[in-house]
Amino acid sequence: MGLEINKHRIRPGWHRSSAPRSTHLLISKDLTQSLTSPITQIYISALNTSNNISARRARTAIRQLAAGFQALGLQRGECVCIHSFNDIWYPIFFLGVIAAGGVYAGTNPAYTAHELAHALQTSKARFVLSQADLMGPVMKAAAGVGLERERVVLFNPDGEGKGVFEGQLQWRDLLGHGEREWERFDDLETSRNTTAALLFSSGTTGLPKAAMLSHYNFVAQHTLLYEAPKRPYKAVRLVALPMFHAASAPVAHTTPLKSGEKSYVLPRFDLEKWFWAHEKYGVTDVAMVPPVSNSFCDLPRYDVG
């Protein structure tokens, strides 16, 4: 169980609450209300703050991805996988897949081709997005499970990097099909029984296993952690844990837009940059795992109080 730390207290990652239960789709009416703010920067690169996504820009991109994935032929309940380090566009991908009626899965960038093949088979992924420098193992894994190379898309929101074969689809191609509304529902049973994401375990007792999280799971996590306990301040978060990891959901993928709160994103955990970012941006809340807290004593010179 991870911990969430803020300047007021340290508490376990979940607790009891009498908050009303939501029956909404993960991308709900409440979320769309947050998405209409025109200029609020939500996702910000910690290493280059000029690289950021406003709430309005996020809403447009999610709608574009919903149209793009459906144009590729994604059907309701089918999985789209991403193989990438942290990126400000990673949560937009997450929400875009769900907006199209699909199921998200993220994989560890350190996976071997064998582990990736297992993940693709387990998730029954219909498409895979990958950063350029991680494409080699992805192509090998896709070939090994019979996934056509045309279904491997280059994840390059910054426009950099080249495909590994002529005509390979890129991020911009997904955004070129106009916009469409996301899939919607508002009843308890559908919310409980509709899978939103497959989150892979660390695989400490064998190959990684996929945990199925429903829309209800994600809405409940956000409500219990970030709405039931009212905060007397506006949170500023740092996302440094891997975005594919269960410890990063929903705080990385849904909470920032729902709450209208800034999240600074590091590509990966780096202790020096982690402390630097907390001091520079006045981070108030952070999710962490034991190895992170155990490493604190190595760099005592930063003030994160």
C-alpha atoms as a PDB file:
ATOM      1  CA  MET A   1       0.000   0.000   0.000  1.00  0.00           C
ATOM      2  CA  GLY A   2       1.453   3.337  -1.023  1.00  0.00           C
ATOM      3  CA  LEU A   3       1.362   6.560   0.935  1.00  0.00           C
ATOM      4  CA  GLU A   4       0.130   9.977  -0.009  1.00  0.00           C
ATOM      5  CA  ILE A   5       2.010  12.799   1.656  1.00  0.00           C
ATOM      6  CA  ASN A   6       0.961  16.411   1.981  1.00  0.00           C
ATOM      7  CA  LYS A   7       2.167  19.214   4.168  1.00  0.00           C
ATOM      8  CA  HIS A   8      -0.614  18.638   6.669  1.00  0.00           C
ATOM      9  CA  ARG A   9      -0.403  14.901   7.280  1.00  0.00           C
ATOM     10  CA  ILE A  10       0.716  11.494   6.078  1.00  0.00           C
ATOM     11  CA  ARG A  11      -1.968   8.909   5.515  1.00  0.00           C
ATOM     12  CA  PRO A  12      -2.476   5.519   3.929  1.00  0.00           C
ATOM     13  CA  GLY A  13      -3.539   5.409   0.303  1.00  0.00           C
ATOM     14  CA  TRP A  14      -7.187   4.684   1.160  1.00  0.00           C
ATOM     15  CA  HIS A  15      -9.607   5.039   4.065  1.00  0.00           C
ATOM     16  CA  ARG A  16     -13.270   4.851   4.969  1.00  0.00           C
ATOM     17  CA  SER A  17     -15.600   7.574   3.823  1.00  0.00           C
ATOM     18  CA  SER A  18     -19.274   8.421   3.924  1.00  0.00           C
ATOM     19  CA  ALA A  19     -19.042  10.273   0.611  1.00  0.00           C
ATOM     20  CA  PRO A  20     -21.856   9.524  -1.856  1.00  0.00           C
ATOM     21  CA  ARG A  21     -21.086   6.848  -4.400  1.00  0.00           C
ATOM     22  CA  SER A  22     -20.845   7.941  -8.015  1.00  0.00           C
ATOM     23  CA  THR A  23     -22.332   5.858 -10.789  1.00  0.00           C
ATOM     24  CA  HIS A  24     -20.676   7.954 -13.479  1.00  0.00           C
ATOM     25  CA  LEU A  25     -18.496   6.942 -16.321  1.00  0.00           C
ATOM     26  CA  LEU A  26     -14.874   7.745 -15.504  1.00  0.00           C
ATOM     27  CA  ILE A  27     -14.978  10.620 -18.012  1.00  0.00           C
ATOM     28  CA  SER A  28     -18.101  12.073 -16.460  1.00  0.00           C
ATOM     29  CA  LYS A  29     -20.151  15.231 -16.634  1.00  0.00           C
ATOM     30  CA  ASP A  30     -18.242  16.520 -13.598  1.00  0.00           C
ATOM     31  CA  LEU A  31     -14.943  15.996 -15.382  1.00  0.00           C
ATOM     32  CA  THR A  32     -16.141  17.817 -18.481  1.00  0.00           C
ATOM     33  CA  GLN A  33     -17.041  20.808 -16.331  1.00  0.00           C
ATOM     34  CA  SER A  34     -13.430  20.940 -15.128  1.00  0.00           C
ATOM     35  CA  LEU A  35     -12.227  20.577 -18.710  1.00  0.00           C
ATOM     36  CA  THR A  36     -13.954  23.741 -19.882  1.00  0.00           C
ATOM     37  CA  SER A  37     -11.558  26.110 -18.090  1.00  0.00           C
ATOM     38  CA  PRO A  38      -9.743  27.786 -20.971  1.00  0.00           C
ATOM     39  CA  ILE A  39      -6.267  28.583 -19.685  1.00  0.00           C
ATOM     40  CA  THR A  40      -5.583  26.557 -16.557  1.00  0.00           C
ATOM     41  CA  GLN A  41      -2.369  24.593 -17.022  1.00  0.00           C
ATOM     42  CA  ILE A  42      -2.932  21.081 -15.711  1.00  0.00           C
ATOM     43  CA  TYR A  43      -0.065  18.921 -16.968  1.00  0.00           C
ATOM     44  CA  ILE A  44       3.321  20.622 -17.030  1.00  0.00           C
ATOM     45  CA  SER A  45       6.734  19.233 -17.893  1.00  0.00           C
ATOM     46  CA  ALA A  46       8.875  19.708 -14.791  1.00  0.00           C
ATOM     47  CA  LEU A  47      11.982  20.032 -16.976  1.00  0.00           C
ATOM     48  CA  ASN A  48      10.450  22.458 -19.491  1.00  0.00           C
ATOM     49  CA  THR A  49       7.432  24.359 -18.215  1.00  0.00           C
ATOM     50  CA  SER A  50       6.715  25.808 -21.667  1.00  0.00           C
ATOM     51  CA  ASN A  51       5.629  22.280 -22.534  1.00  0.00           C
ATOM     52  CA  ASN A  52       2.220  22.057 -20.903  1.00  0.00           C
ATOM     53  CA  ILE A  53      -1.411  21.127 -21.458  1.00  0.00           C
ATOM     54  CA  SER A  54      -4.292  23.346 -20.430  1.00  0.00           C
ATOM     55  CA  ALA A  55      -7.674  21.973 -19.433  1.00  0.00           C
ATOM     56  CA  ARG A  56      -9.234  23.134 -22.684  1.00  0.00           C
ATOM     57  CA  ARG A  57      -6.417  21.665 -24.776  1.00  0.00           C
ATOM     58  CA  ALA A  58      -6.819  18.378 -22.931  1.00  0.00           C
ATOM     59  CA  ARG A  59     -10.541  18.280 -23.692  1.00  0.00           C
ATOM     60  CA  THR A  60      -9.936  18.837 -27.397  1.00  0.00           C
ATOM     61  CA  ALA A  61      -7.198  16.207 -27.576  1.00  0.00           C
ATOM     62  CA  ILE A  62      -9.310  13.612 -25.745  1.00  0.00           C
ATOM     63  CA  ARG A  63     -12.141  14.151 -28.210  1.00  0.00           C
ATOM     64  CA  GLN A  64      -9.688  13.917 -31.123  1.00  0.00           C
ATOM     65  CA  LEU A  65      -8.240  10.671 -29.795  1.00  0.00           C
ATOM     66  CA  ALA A  66     -11.731   9.229 -29.343  1.00  0.00           C
ATOM     67  CA  ALA A  67     -12.391   9.955 -33.026  1.00  0.00           C
ATOM     68  CA  GLY A  68      -8.957   8.718 -34.056  1.00  0.00           C
ATOM     69  CA  PHE A  69      -9.162   5.372 -32.295  1.00  0.00           C
ATOM     70  CA  GLN A  70     -12.626   4.721 -33.649  1.00  0.00           C
ATOM     71  CA  ALA A  71     -11.389   5.631 -37.140  1.00  0.00           C
ATOM     72  CA  LEU A  72      -8.722   2.941 -36.719  1.00  0.00           C
ATOM     73  CA  GLY A  73     -11.464   0.453 -35.958  1.00  0.00           C
ATOM     74  CA  LEU A  74     -11.232   0.196 -32.173  1.00  0.00           C
ATOM     75  CA  GLN A  75     -14.361  -1.463 -30.826  1.00  0.00           C
ATOM     76  CA  ARG A  76     -15.975  -1.008 -27.430  1.00  0.00           C
ATOM     77  CA  GLY A  77     -14.138  -3.004 -24.772  1.00  0.00           C
ATOM     78  CA  GLU A  78     -10.969  -3.512 -26.822  1.00  0.00           C
ATOM     79  CA  CYS A  79      -7.596  -2.685 -25.327  1.00  0.00           C
ATOM     80  CA  VAL A  80      -4.971  -0.161 -26.414  1.00  0.00           C
ATOM     81  CA  CYS A  81      -1.539  -0.481 -24.817  1.00  0.00           C
ATOM     82  CA  ILE A  82       1.158   2.150 -24.339  1.00  0.00           C
ATOM     83  CA  HIS A  83       4.876   1.520 -23.834  1.00  0.00           C
ATOM     84  CA  SER A  84       6.417   4.771 -22.677  1.00  0.00           C
ATOM     85  CA  PHE A  85       8.159   6.706 -19.963  1.00  0.00           C
ATOM     86  CA  ASN A  86       6.167   9.446 -18.245  1.00  0.00           C
ATOM     87  CA  ASP A  87       4.953  12.222 -20.510  1.00  0.00           C
ATOM     88  CA  ILE A  88       2.431  15.033 -20.097  1.00  0.00           C
ATOM     89  CA  TRP A  89       0.433  13.442 -22.944  1.00  0.00           C
ATOM     90  CA  TYR A  90       0.336  10.009 -21.310  1.00  0.00           C
ATOM     91  CA  PRO A  91      -2.821  10.773 -19.240  1.00  0.00           C
ATOM     92  CA  ILE A  92      -4.469  12.260 -22.332  1.00  0.00           C
ATOM     93  CA  PHE A  93      -3.828   8.955 -24.115  1.00  0.00           C
ATOM     94  CA  PHE A  94      -5.350   7.129 -21.113  1.00  0.00           C
ATOM     95  CA  LEU A  95      -8.509   9.241 -21.270  1.00  0.00           C
ATOM     96  CA  GLY A  96      -8.635   9.158 -25.073  1.00  0.00           C
ATOM     97  CA  VAL A  97      -8.749   5.357 -25.116  1.00  0.00           C
ATOM     98  CA  ILE A  98     -11.525   5.323 -22.539  1.00  0.00           C
ATOM     99  CA  ALA A  99     -13.378   8.079 -24.386  1.00  0.00           C
ATOM    100  CA  ALA A 100     -13.424   5.834 -27.456  1.00  0.00           C
ATOM    101  CA  GLY A 101     -14.997   3.048 -25.372  1.00  0.00           C
ATOM    102  CA  GLY A 102     -11.720   1.155 -25.087  1.00  0.00           C
ATOM    103  CA  VAL A 103      -9.615  -0.231 -22.245  1.00  0.00           C
ATOM    104  CA  TYR A 104      -6.219   1.208 -21.284  1.00  0.00           C
ATOM    105  CA  ALA A 105      -3.109  -0.829 -20.507  1.00  0.00           C
ATOM    106  CA  GLY A 106       0.382   0.500 -19.764  1.00  0.00           C
ATOM    107  CA  THR A 107       3.616  -1.466 -19.703  1.00  0.00           C
ATOM    108  CA  ASN A 108       6.952  -1.018 -17.976  1.00  0.00           C
ATOM    109  CA  PRO A 109       9.540   0.553 -20.330  1.00  0.00           C
ATOM    110  CA  ALA A 110      12.054  -1.917 -18.888  1.00  0.00           C
ATOM    111  CA  TYR A 111      10.103  -4.947 -20.132  1.00  0.00           C
ATOM    112  CA  THR A 112      11.886  -7.365 -22.392  1.00  0.00           C
ATOM    113  CA  ALA A 113      10.274  -8.452 -25.647  1.00  0.00           C
ATOM    114  CA  HIS A 114       9.191 -11.650 -23.879  1.00  0.00           C
ATOM    115  CA  GLU A 115       7.488  -9.719 -21.079  1.00  0.00           C
ATOM    116  CA  LEU A 116       5.877  -7.371 -23.582  1.00  0.00           C
ATOM    117  CA  ALA A 117       4.539 -10.295 -25.579  1.00  0.00           C
ATOM    118  CA  HIS A 118       2.994 -11.669 -22.400  1.00  0.00           C
ATOM    119  CA  ALA A 119       1.379  -8.292 -21.674  1.00  0.00           C
ATOM    120  CA  LEU A 120       0.014  -7.977 -25.198  1.00  0.00           C
ATOM    121  CA  GLN A 121      -1.428 -11.479 -25.045  1.00  0.00           C
ATOM    122  CA  THR A 122      -2.896 -10.989 -21.584  1.00  0.00           C
ATOM    123  CA  SER A 123      -4.526  -7.671 -22.452  1.00  0.00           C
ATOM    124  CA  LYS A 124      -5.537  -8.780 -25.963  1.00  0.00           C
ATOM    125  CA  ALA A 125      -4.295  -5.388 -27.121  1.00  0.00           C
ATOM    126  CA  ARG A 126      -5.552  -4.318 -30.537  1.00  0.00           C
ATOM    127  CA  PHE A 127      -3.115  -1.410 -30.845  1.00  0.00           C
ATOM    128  CA  VAL A 128       0.148  -0.426 -29.177  1.00  0.00           C
ATOM    129  CA  LEU A 129       1.704   3.013 -28.866  1.00  0.00           C
ATOM    130  CA  SER A 130       5.430   3.237 -28.171  1.00  0.00           C
ATOM    131  CA  GLN A 131       8.103   5.884 -27.874  1.00  0.00           C
ATOM    132  CA  ALA A 132      10.695   5.716 -30.649  1.00  0.00           C
ATOM    133  CA  ASP A 133      13.596   4.561 -28.475  1.00  0.00           C
ATOM    134  CA  LEU A 134      11.473   1.718 -27.049  1.00  0.00           C
ATOM    135  CA  MET A 135      10.147   0.522 -30.384  1.00  0.00           C
ATOM    136  CA  GLY A 136      12.544  -2.416 -30.917  1.00  0.00           C
ATOM    137  CA  PRO A 137      11.174  -4.752 -28.212  1.00  0.00           C
ATOM    138  CA  VAL A 138       7.619  -3.671 -29.062  1.00  0.00           C
ATOM    139  CA  MET A 139       7.945  -4.668 -32.717  1.00  0.00           C
ATOM    140  CA  LYS A 140       9.485  -7.992 -31.726  1.00  0.00           C
ATOM    141  CA  ALA A 141       6.745  -8.679 -29.183  1.00  0.00           C
ATOM    142  CA  ALA A 142       3.989  -7.662 -31.608  1.00  0.00           C
ATOM    143  CA  ALA A 143       5.352 -10.015 -34.252  1.00  0.00           C
ATOM    144  CA  GLY A 144       5.553 -12.791 -31.676  1.00  0.00           C
ATOM    145  CA  VAL A 145       1.858 -12.556 -30.799  1.00  0.00           C
ATOM    146  CA  GLY A 146       0.608 -11.975 -34.322  1.00  0.00           C
ATOM    147  CA  LEU A 147      -0.204  -8.276 -33.948  1.00  0.00           C
ATOM    148  CA  GLU A 148       0.175  -6.608 -37.341  1.00  0.00           C
ATOM    149  CA  ARG A 149       2.883  -3.958 -37.456  1.00  0.00           C
ATOM    150  CA  GLU A 150       0.335  -1.460 -38.791  1.00  0.00           C
ATOM    151  CA  ARG A 151      -1.247  -1.578 -35.335  1.00  0.00           C
ATOM    152  CA  VAL A 152       1.956  -0.296 -33.679  1.00  0.00           C
ATOM    153  CA  VAL A 153       1.761   3.503 -33.464  1.00  0.00           C
ATOM    154  CA  LEU A 154       4.630   5.891 -32.719  1.00  0.00           C
ATOM    155  CA  PHE A 155       3.947   7.834 -29.519  1.00  0.00           C
ATOM    156  CA  ASN A 156       5.641  11.149 -30.311  1.00  0.00           C
ATOM    157  CA  PRO A 157       3.441  14.070 -29.247  1.00  0.00           C
ATOM    158  CA  ASP A 158       6.452  16.381 -29.640  1.00  0.00           C
ATOM    159  CA  GLY A 159       6.738  15.341 -33.296  1.00  0.00           C
ATOM    160  CA  GLU A 160      10.221  13.918 -32.836  1.00  0.00           C
ATOM    161  CA  GLY A 161      11.399  10.431 -33.704  1.00  0.00           C
ATOM    162  CA  LYS A 162      10.905   8.357 -36.801  1.00  0.00           C
ATOM    163  CA  GLY A 163       8.856   5.266 -37.428  1.00  0.00           C
ATOM    164  CA  VAL A 164      10.598   1.942 -37.885  1.00  0.00           C
ATOM    165  CA  PHE A 165       8.866   1.245 -41.180  1.00  0.00           C
ATOM    166  CA  GLU A 166       7.564   3.332 -44.064  1.00  0.00           C
ATOM    167  CA  GLY A 167       4.172   4.853 -43.363  1.00  0.00           C
ATOM    168  CA  GLN A 168       4.024   3.925 -39.674  1.00  0.00           C
ATOM    169  CA  LEU A 169       1.198   5.743 -37.928  1.00  0.00           C
ATOM    170  CA  GLN A 170       2.220   8.482 -35.514  1.00  0.00           C
ATOM    171  CA  TRP A 171       0.548  10.437 -32.738  1.00  0.00           C
ATOM    172  CA  ARG A 172      -0.505  13.240 -35.082  1.00  0.00           C
ATOM    173  CA  ASP A 173      -2.336  10.727 -37.276  1.00  0.00           C
ATOM    174  CA  LEU A 174      -4.643   9.888 -34.378  1.00  0.00           C
ATOM    175  CA  LEU A 175      -5.608  13.556 -34.074  1.00  0.00           C
ATOM    176  CA  GLY A 176      -6.549  14.002 -37.721  1.00  0.00           C
ATOM    177  CA  HIS A 177     -10.084  12.603 -37.688  1.00  0.00           C
ATOM    178  CA  GLY A 178     -11.977  15.479 -36.151  1.00  0.00           C
ATOM    179  CA  GLU A 179     -13.583  15.240 -32.719  1.00  0.00           C
ATOM    180  CA  ARG A 180     -16.318  13.140 -31.204  1.00  0.00           C
ATOM    181  CA  GLU A 181     -18.040  12.883 -27.850  1.00  0.00           C
ATOM    182  CA  TRP A 182     -16.883  10.161 -25.503  1.00  0.00           C
ATOM    183  CA  GLU A 183     -18.854   7.076 -24.611  1.00  0.00           C
ATOM    184  CA  ARG A 184     -21.244   7.775 -21.735  1.00  0.00           C
ATOM    185  CA  PHE A 185     -23.389   5.964 -19.195  1.00  0.00           C
ATOM    186  CA  ASP A 186     -24.757   6.769 -15.755  1.00  0.00           C
ATOM    187  CA  ASP A 187     -25.873   3.647 -13.944  1.00  0.00           C
ATOM    188  CA  LEU A 188     -24.262   1.731 -11.126  1.00  0.00           C
ATOM    189  CA  GLU A 189     -24.103  -1.746 -12.636  1.00  0.00           C
ATOM    190  CA  THR A 190     -22.582  -0.572 -15.914  1.00  0.00           C
ATOM    191  CA  SER A 191     -20.021   1.474 -13.978  1.00  0.00           C
ATOM    192  CA  ARG A 192     -19.087  -1.539 -11.851  1.00  0.00           C
ATOM    193  CA  ASN A 193     -18.942  -4.000 -14.712  1.00  0.00           C
ATOM    194  CA  THR A 194     -17.212  -1.950 -17.421  1.00  0.00           C
ATOM    195  CA  THR A 195     -13.434  -2.268 -17.407  1.00  0.00           C
ATOM    196  CA  ALA A 196     -11.544   1.010 -17.784  1.00  0.00           C
ATOM    197  CA  ALA A 197      -7.961  -0.183 -17.366  1.00  0.00           C
ATOM    198  CA  LEU A 198      -5.685  -3.176 -17.020  1.00  0.00           C
ATOM    199  CA  LEU A 199      -2.878  -2.429 -14.565  1.00  0.00           C
ATOM    200  CA  PHE A 200       0.011  -4.866 -14.566  1.00  0.00           C
ATOM    201  CA  SER A 201       1.629  -6.061 -11.363  1.00  0.00           C
ATOM    202  CA  SER A 202       5.375  -6.093 -10.835  1.00  0.00           C
ATOM    203  CA  GLY A 203       5.537  -9.828 -11.513  1.00  0.00           C
ATOM    204  CA  THR A 204       7.522 -10.688  -8.379  1.00  0.00           C
ATOM    205  CA  THR A 205       6.065 -14.209  -8.358  1.00  0.00           C
ATOM    206  CA  GLY A 206       6.221 -14.831 -12.092  1.00  0.00           C
ATOM    207  CA  LEU A 207       5.172 -12.895 -15.140  1.00  0.00           C
ATOM    208  CA  PRO A 208       3.205  -9.659 -14.572  1.00  0.00           C
ATOM    209  CA  LYS A 209      -0.519 -10.099 -13.980  1.00  0.00           C
ATOM    210  CA  ALA A 210      -3.227  -7.684 -15.100  1.00  0.00           C
ATOM    211  CA  ALA A 211      -5.593  -6.218 -12.513  1.00  0.00           C
ATOM    212  CA  MET A 212      -8.922  -5.161 -14.040  1.00  0.00           C
ATOM    213  CA  LEU A 213     -10.152  -1.806 -12.762  1.00  0.00           C
ATOM    214  CA  SER A 214     -13.655  -0.660 -13.605  1.00  0.00           C
ATOM    215  CA  HIS A 215     -14.929   2.876 -14.082  1.00  0.00           C
ATOM    216  CA  TYR A 216     -16.472   2.529 -10.621  1.00  0.00           C
ATOM    217  CA  ASN A 217     -13.046   1.673  -9.149  1.00  0.00           C
ATOM    218  CA  PHE A 218     -11.449   4.819 -10.548  1.00  0.00           C
ATOM    219  CA  VAL A 219     -14.284   7.127  -9.551  1.00  0.00           C
ATOM    220  CA  ALA A 220     -14.297   5.657  -6.033  1.00  0.00           C
ATOM    221  CA  GLN A 221     -10.531   6.036  -5.633  1.00  0.00           C
ATOM    222  CA  HIS A 222     -10.648   9.681  -6.623  1.00  0.00           C
ATOM    223  CA  THR A 223     -13.676  10.418  -4.446  1.00  0.00           C
ATOM    224  CA  LEU A 224     -12.269   8.718  -1.347  1.00  0.00           C
ATOM    225  CA  LEU A 225      -8.812  10.240  -1.597  1.00  0.00           C
ATOM    226  CA  TYR A 226      -9.373  13.690  -3.038  1.00  0.00           C
ATOM    227  CA  GLU A 227     -12.965  14.771  -2.448  1.00  0.00           C
ATOM    228  CA  ALA A 228     -14.219  13.181   0.775  1.00  0.00           C
ATOM    229  CA  PRO A 229     -11.377  14.703   2.838  1.00  0.00           C
ATOM    230  CA  LYS A 230     -11.728  18.399   2.037  1.00  0.00           C
ATOM    231  CA  ARG A 231      -8.402  20.174   1.627  1.00  0.00           C
ATOM    232  CA  PRO A 232      -7.984  23.788   2.746  1.00  0.00           C
ATOM    233  CA  TYR A 233      -5.538  24.424  -0.097  1.00  0.00           C
ATOM    234  CA  LYS A 234      -5.107  23.894  -3.843  1.00  0.00           C
ATOM    235  CA  ALA A 235      -2.854  20.908  -4.449  1.00  0.00           C
ATOM    236  CA  VAL A 236       0.286  21.053  -6.569  1.00  0.00           C
ATOM    237  CA  ARG A 237       1.553  17.595  -7.439  1.00  0.00           C
ATOM    238  CA  LEU A 238       4.679  16.019  -8.860  1.00  0.00           C
ATOM    239  CA  VAL A 239       4.231  12.895 -10.968  1.00  0.00           C
ATOM    240  CA  ALA A 240       7.485  10.972 -10.841  1.00  0.00           C
ATOM    241  CA  LEU A 241       6.304   7.425 -10.222  1.00  0.00           C
ATOM    242  CA  PRO A 242       5.800   5.474 -13.460  1.00  0.00           C
ATOM    243  CA  MET A 243       2.462   6.308 -15.029  1.00  0.00           C
ATOM    244  CA  PHE A 244       1.876   2.675 -15.952  1.00  0.00           C
ATOM    245  CA  HIS A 245       1.976   1.727 -12.262  1.00  0.00           C
ATOM    246  CA  ALA A 246      -1.130   1.252 -10.124  1.00  0.00           C
ATOM    247  CA  ALA A 247       0.282   3.707  -7.576  1.00  0.00           C
ATOM    248  CA  SER A 248      -0.068   6.460 -10.199  1.00  0.00           C
ATOM    249  CA  ALA A 249      -3.754   5.867 -10.861  1.00  0.00           C
ATOM    250  CA  PRO A 250      -5.921   7.867 -10.522  1.00  0.00           C
ATOM    251  CA  VAL A 251      -3.671  10.650  -9.231  1.00  0.00           C
ATOM    252  CA  ALA A 252      -1.802  10.943 -12.544  1.00  0.00           C
ATOM    253  CA  HIS A 253      -4.575  10.221 -15.039  1.00  0.00           C
ATOM    254  CA  THR A 254      -7.860  11.596 -13.749  1.00  0.00           C
ATOM    255  CA  THR A 255      -7.532  13.601 -10.545  1.00  0.00           C
ATOM    256  CA  PRO A 256      -5.635  16.610 -12.008  1.00  0.00           C
ATOM    257  CA  LEU A 257      -8.334  17.364 -14.592  1.00  0.00           C
ATOM    258  CA  LYS A 258     -11.229  16.568 -12.264  1.00  0.00           C
ATOM    259  CA  SER A 259      -9.824  18.828  -9.535  1.00  0.00           C
ATOM    260  CA  GLY A 260      -8.327  21.465 -11.827  1.00  0.00           C
ATOM    261  CA  GLU A 261      -4.953  21.133 -10.069  1.00  0.00           C
ATOM    262  CA  LYS A 262      -1.453  21.367 -11.490  1.00  0.00           C
ATOM    263  CA  SER A 263       0.697  18.279 -11.948  1.00  0.00           C
ATOM    264  CA  TYR A 264       4.371  18.594 -12.838  1.00  0.00           C
ATOM    265  CA  VAL A 265       5.657  15.546 -14.700  1.00  0.00           C
ATOM    266  CA  LEU A 266       9.127  13.998 -14.633  1.00  0.00           C
ATOM    267  CA  PRO A 267       9.948  11.430 -17.348  1.00  0.00           C
ATOM    268  CA  ARG A 268      11.133   9.032 -14.664  1.00  0.00           C
ATOM    269  CA  PHE A 269      12.087   9.071 -11.005  1.00  0.00           C
ATOM    270  CA  ASP A 270      15.410  10.747 -10.337  1.00  0.00           C
ATOM    271  CA  LEU A 271      16.173  11.582  -6.705  1.00  0.00           C
ATOM    272  CA  GLU A 272      18.043  14.814  -7.405  1.00  0.00           C
ATOM    273  CA  LYS A 273      15.358  16.096  -9.797  1.00  0.00           C
ATOM    274  CA  TRP A 274      12.607  14.907  -7.445  1.00  0.00           C
ATOM    275  CA  PHE A 275      13.893  17.096  -4.611  1.00  0.00           C
ATOM    276  CA  TRP A 276      14.669  19.966  -6.976  1.00  0.00           C
ATOM    277  CA  ALA A 277      11.150  19.964  -8.419  1.00  0.00           C
ATOM    278  CA  HIS A 278       9.515  19.934  -4.976  1.00  0.00           C
ATOM    279  CA  GLU A 279      11.504  22.974  -3.934  1.00  0.00           C
ATOM    280  CA  LYS A 280      11.090  24.840  -7.234  1.00  0.00           C
ATOM    281  CA  TYR A 281       7.352  24.324  -7.758  1.00  0.00           C
ATOM    282  CA  GLY A 282       6.106  24.261  -4.172  1.00  0.00           C
ATOM    283  CA  VAL A 283       4.720  20.739  -4.441  1.00  0.00           C
ATOM    284  CA  THR A 284       2.119  20.057  -1.739  1.00  0.00           C
ATOM    285  CA  ASP A 285       1.088  16.436  -2.371  1.00  0.00           C
ATOM    286  CA  VAL A 286       3.026  13.454  -3.613  1.00  0.00           C
ATOM    287  CA  ALA A 287       2.397   9.742  -3.990  1.00  0.00           C
ATOM    288  CA  MET A 288       5.341   7.521  -3.179  1.00  0.00           C
ATOM    289  CA  VAL A 289       6.430   3.950  -2.629  1.00  0.00           C
ATOM    290  CA  PRO A 290       8.883   2.648   0.012  1.00  0.00           C
ATOM    291  CA  PRO A 291      12.013   2.690  -2.196  1.00  0.00           C
ATOM    292  CA  VAL A 292      11.491   6.409  -2.775  1.00  0.00           C
ATOM    293  CA  SER A 293      11.151   7.251   0.917  1.00  0.00           C
ATOM    294  CA  ASN A 294      14.136   5.048   1.753  1.00  0.00           C
ATOM    295  CA  SER A 295      16.328   7.093  -0.576  1.00  0.00           C
ATOM    296  CA  PHE A 296      15.598  10.461   1.060  1.00  0.00           C
ATOM    297  CA  CYS A 297      18.613  10.380   3.315  1.00  0.00           C
ATOM    298  CA  ASP A 298      20.941  10.474   0.301  1.00  0.00           C
ATOM    299  CA  LEU A 299      20.153  14.119  -0.548  1.00  0.00           C
ATOM    300  CA  PRO A 300      19.408  16.081   2.627  1.00  0.00           C
ATOM    301  CA  ARG A 301      20.175  19.561   1.316  1.00  0.00           C
ATOM    302  CA  TYR A 302      16.775  20.366  -0.225  1.00  0.00           C
ATOM    303  CA  ASP A 303      13.935  22.094   1.594  1.00  0.00           C
ATOM    304  CA  VAL A 304      10.583  20.446   0.809  1.00  0.00           C
ATOM    305  CA  GLY A 305       8.847  21.553   3.991  1.00  0.00           C
END
